N, C-alpha and C. Protein backbone atom coordinates (compact mmCIF):
# COMPACT_ATOMS: atom_id res chain seq x y z
N MET A 1 -40.88 24.81 14.08
CA MET A 1 -41.66 25.90 14.75
C MET A 1 -41.41 27.23 13.82
N LYS A 2 -42.50 28.00 13.92
CA LYS A 2 -42.48 29.18 12.90
C LYS A 2 -41.67 30.24 13.67
N PRO A 3 -41.10 30.92 12.92
CA PRO A 3 -40.28 32.23 13.22
C PRO A 3 -41.20 33.08 14.47
N GLY A 4 -40.49 33.36 15.62
CA GLY A 4 -41.44 34.43 16.62
C GLY A 4 -41.89 33.27 17.67
N VAL A 5 -41.94 32.06 17.52
CA VAL A 5 -42.42 31.25 18.70
C VAL A 5 -41.19 31.25 19.92
N PRO A 6 -41.45 31.40 21.21
CA PRO A 6 -40.77 31.41 22.47
C PRO A 6 -40.02 29.97 22.43
N LEU A 7 -39.01 30.22 22.61
CA LEU A 7 -38.07 28.94 23.01
C LEU A 7 -37.28 28.65 24.37
N LEU A 8 -37.69 27.77 25.05
CA LEU A 8 -37.36 27.84 26.63
C LEU A 8 -36.24 26.73 26.51
N SER A 9 -34.76 26.94 26.59
CA SER A 9 -33.71 25.98 26.82
C SER A 9 -33.21 25.83 28.11
N VAL A 10 -33.17 24.60 28.48
CA VAL A 10 -33.00 24.16 29.63
C VAL A 10 -31.50 23.57 29.88
N ALA A 11 -30.29 23.86 30.31
CA ALA A 11 -28.86 23.67 30.39
C ALA A 11 -28.34 23.35 31.65
N ARG A 12 -27.36 22.69 32.00
CA ARG A 12 -26.59 22.83 33.23
C ARG A 12 -25.03 23.28 33.06
N SER A 13 -25.01 24.22 33.82
CA SER A 13 -23.66 25.11 33.63
C SER A 13 -22.52 23.94 34.35
N ARG A 14 -21.47 24.56 33.90
CA ARG A 14 -20.18 23.42 34.54
C ARG A 14 -20.18 23.37 36.13
N ASP A 15 -20.62 24.32 36.97
CA ASP A 15 -20.74 24.55 37.93
C ASP A 15 -21.87 23.75 38.46
N GLY A 16 -22.68 23.15 37.85
CA GLY A 16 -23.75 22.18 38.30
C GLY A 16 -24.94 22.98 38.25
N VAL A 17 -25.10 24.57 38.27
CA VAL A 17 -26.57 24.98 38.21
C VAL A 17 -27.08 24.95 37.00
N TRP A 18 -28.65 24.59 37.32
CA TRP A 18 -29.60 24.35 35.81
C TRP A 18 -29.96 25.77 35.71
N SER A 19 -30.06 26.06 34.41
CA SER A 19 -30.99 27.74 33.74
C SER A 19 -31.64 27.11 32.95
N VAL A 20 -32.93 28.08 32.83
CA VAL A 20 -33.88 28.06 32.26
C VAL A 20 -33.84 29.43 31.17
N ASN A 21 -33.47 29.58 29.87
CA ASN A 21 -33.43 30.51 29.19
C ASN A 21 -34.61 30.52 28.25
N GLU A 22 -35.32 31.83 28.48
CA GLU A 22 -36.37 32.35 27.65
C GLU A 22 -36.19 33.41 26.39
N ARG A 23 -36.22 33.02 25.32
CA ARG A 23 -36.05 33.33 24.29
C ARG A 23 -37.25 33.61 23.36
N GLY A 24 -37.75 34.79 23.23
CA GLY A 24 -38.94 34.94 22.33
C GLY A 24 -38.84 36.25 21.75
N PRO A 25 -39.96 36.72 20.73
CA PRO A 25 -40.06 37.89 19.89
C PRO A 25 -39.97 39.12 20.74
N ASP A 26 -40.65 39.07 22.15
CA ASP A 26 -40.79 40.44 22.84
C ASP A 26 -39.84 40.24 24.58
N ARG A 27 -39.41 38.88 24.46
CA ARG A 27 -38.82 38.72 26.17
C ARG A 27 -37.77 37.77 25.87
N VAL A 28 -36.63 38.23 26.97
CA VAL A 28 -35.35 37.54 26.92
C VAL A 28 -35.42 37.39 28.23
N ALA A 29 -35.35 35.87 29.17
CA ALA A 29 -35.27 36.14 30.62
C ALA A 29 -34.30 34.78 30.60
N ILE A 30 -34.19 34.68 31.83
CA ILE A 30 -33.22 33.58 32.47
C ILE A 30 -33.37 33.43 33.90
N ALA A 31 -33.34 32.17 34.23
CA ALA A 31 -33.66 31.75 35.72
C ALA A 31 -32.94 30.52 36.05
N TYR A 32 -32.16 30.72 37.22
CA TYR A 32 -31.54 29.96 37.83
C TYR A 32 -31.84 28.76 38.83
N PHE A 33 -31.80 27.40 38.84
CA PHE A 33 -32.17 26.70 39.58
C PHE A 33 -31.28 25.60 40.29
N PRO A 34 -31.22 25.16 41.22
CA PRO A 34 -30.33 24.01 42.12
C PRO A 34 -30.37 22.69 41.34
N SER A 35 -31.40 22.42 40.62
CA SER A 35 -31.70 20.98 40.30
C SER A 35 -32.34 20.82 39.23
N GLN A 36 -32.21 19.88 38.15
CA GLN A 36 -32.72 19.64 37.04
C GLN A 36 -34.24 19.80 37.09
N TRP A 37 -34.78 18.67 38.09
CA TRP A 37 -36.17 18.84 38.18
C TRP A 37 -37.02 20.40 38.67
N GLY A 38 -36.20 21.36 39.17
CA GLY A 38 -37.11 22.61 39.36
C GLY A 38 -36.93 23.24 38.03
N ALA A 39 -35.79 23.29 37.36
CA ALA A 39 -35.42 23.84 36.31
C ALA A 39 -36.63 23.56 35.08
N MET A 40 -36.85 21.86 35.00
CA MET A 40 -37.84 21.34 34.14
C MET A 40 -39.23 21.54 34.52
N ARG A 41 -39.31 21.70 35.78
CA ARG A 41 -40.78 21.97 36.19
C ARG A 41 -41.19 23.65 35.69
N HIS A 42 -40.30 24.58 36.07
CA HIS A 42 -40.34 25.96 35.82
C HIS A 42 -40.42 25.86 34.10
N ALA A 43 -40.11 25.35 33.59
CA ALA A 43 -39.95 25.54 31.64
C ALA A 43 -41.25 24.96 31.42
N VAL A 44 -41.63 23.96 32.01
CA VAL A 44 -43.03 23.17 31.36
C VAL A 44 -43.99 24.39 31.73
N ARG A 45 -43.83 24.86 33.10
CA ARG A 45 -45.04 25.45 33.47
C ARG A 45 -45.29 26.95 32.73
N VAL A 46 -44.02 27.42 32.26
CA VAL A 46 -44.13 28.74 31.43
C VAL A 46 -44.62 28.15 30.05
N ALA A 47 -44.33 27.09 29.58
CA ALA A 47 -44.36 26.78 28.21
C ALA A 47 -46.10 26.33 28.10
N ARG A 48 -46.75 26.09 29.29
CA ARG A 48 -48.18 25.82 29.32
C ARG A 48 -48.62 26.94 29.42
N ALA A 49 -48.23 27.96 30.08
CA ALA A 49 -48.68 29.45 29.91
C ALA A 49 -49.02 30.08 28.68
N LYS A 50 -48.19 29.91 27.71
CA LYS A 50 -48.06 30.45 26.44
C LYS A 50 -48.96 29.87 25.33
N ARG A 51 -49.33 30.73 24.76
CA ARG A 51 -50.20 29.64 23.21
C ARG A 51 -49.27 28.90 22.53
N ARG A 52 -48.03 29.18 22.45
CA ARG A 52 -46.99 28.54 21.61
C ARG A 52 -45.78 28.23 22.24
N CYS A 53 -44.92 27.36 22.30
CA CYS A 53 -43.82 27.26 22.84
C CYS A 53 -42.89 26.09 22.71
N ARG A 54 -41.97 26.32 22.79
CA ARG A 54 -40.91 24.87 22.36
C ARG A 54 -39.88 24.78 23.77
N VAL A 55 -39.67 23.79 24.46
CA VAL A 55 -38.85 23.48 25.18
C VAL A 55 -37.51 22.51 24.85
N ALA A 56 -36.43 22.71 25.07
CA ALA A 56 -35.38 22.20 24.49
C ALA A 56 -34.63 21.83 25.64
N VAL A 57 -34.34 20.66 26.06
CA VAL A 57 -33.07 20.00 26.81
C VAL A 57 -31.69 20.21 26.17
N LEU A 58 -30.64 20.71 26.68
CA LEU A 58 -29.36 20.91 25.99
C LEU A 58 -28.22 20.18 26.46
N ALA A 59 -27.61 19.39 26.03
CA ALA A 59 -26.29 18.65 26.42
C ALA A 59 -25.33 19.41 26.87
N ALA A 60 -24.12 19.15 27.23
CA ALA A 60 -23.27 20.02 27.71
C ALA A 60 -22.30 21.02 26.51
N ASP A 61 -22.35 20.25 25.41
CA ASP A 61 -21.97 20.70 24.20
C ASP A 61 -22.66 21.65 23.30
N GLY A 62 -23.82 21.66 24.01
CA GLY A 62 -24.66 22.84 23.15
C GLY A 62 -25.79 22.03 22.47
N ALA A 63 -25.55 20.65 22.09
CA ALA A 63 -26.65 20.02 21.28
C ALA A 63 -28.02 19.75 22.11
N VAL A 64 -28.92 19.64 21.04
CA VAL A 64 -30.22 19.47 21.67
C VAL A 64 -30.40 17.85 21.89
N ARG A 65 -30.66 17.76 23.60
CA ARG A 65 -30.74 16.19 23.47
C ARG A 65 -32.47 15.78 23.56
N LEU A 66 -33.29 16.42 23.74
CA LEU A 66 -34.65 16.70 23.90
C LEU A 66 -35.68 17.97 23.74
N ALA A 67 -36.40 17.74 23.03
CA ALA A 67 -37.24 18.76 22.22
C ALA A 67 -38.75 18.45 22.73
N ARG A 68 -39.71 19.44 22.97
CA ARG A 68 -40.89 19.34 22.94
C ARG A 68 -41.78 20.86 22.77
N ASP A 69 -42.92 20.56 21.66
CA ASP A 69 -43.56 21.98 21.50
C ASP A 69 -44.75 21.77 22.30
N TYR A 70 -45.15 22.87 22.64
CA TYR A 70 -46.65 23.02 23.16
C TYR A 70 -47.43 23.80 22.46
N ASP A 71 -48.67 23.83 22.68
CA ASP A 71 -49.59 24.37 21.97
C ASP A 71 -50.78 24.38 22.76
N SER A 72 -51.12 25.37 22.83
CA SER A 72 -52.52 25.50 23.98
C SER A 72 -53.55 26.51 22.92
N PRO A 73 -54.59 25.91 22.97
CA PRO A 73 -55.88 26.34 22.08
C PRO A 73 -56.24 27.79 22.50
N ALA A 74 -56.52 28.71 21.68
CA ALA A 74 -57.01 29.99 22.34
C ALA A 74 -58.08 30.00 23.38
N PRO A 75 -58.17 30.95 24.17
CA PRO A 75 -58.90 31.11 25.19
C PRO A 75 -60.56 30.60 25.12
N GLY A 76 -60.92 31.17 23.87
CA GLY A 76 -62.32 31.21 23.91
C GLY A 76 -62.87 29.90 22.90
N ARG A 77 -62.03 28.89 22.70
CA ARG A 77 -61.98 27.83 21.85
C ARG A 77 -61.89 26.54 22.63
N VAL A 78 -62.17 26.74 23.79
CA VAL A 78 -62.16 25.25 24.69
C VAL A 78 -63.15 24.66 24.97
N GLU A 79 -63.55 23.63 24.22
CA GLU A 79 -64.62 22.75 24.55
C GLU A 79 -64.81 22.17 25.72
N THR A 80 -65.81 22.40 26.45
CA THR A 80 -66.25 22.00 27.65
C THR A 80 -66.99 20.54 27.57
N PRO A 81 -66.88 19.44 28.47
CA PRO A 81 -67.65 18.31 28.04
C PRO A 81 -68.92 18.53 29.26
């Protein structure tokens, strides 16, 4: 990914709480969830709302287990069938 593209990382803490950390050029945010499902759903919704974004699921040691890039077209350039 290019520099300046927001990164959403999903990780589980030692006490079992899931967190979604958002880091971007103009925003830093964190949200906590009791389940992995809730954290992943939140991360995907945020990623789809942005023009470009990367979602990464982190292992307990901080290594990336899974990552996906989301690219949304510009609002005025969507083709409608």
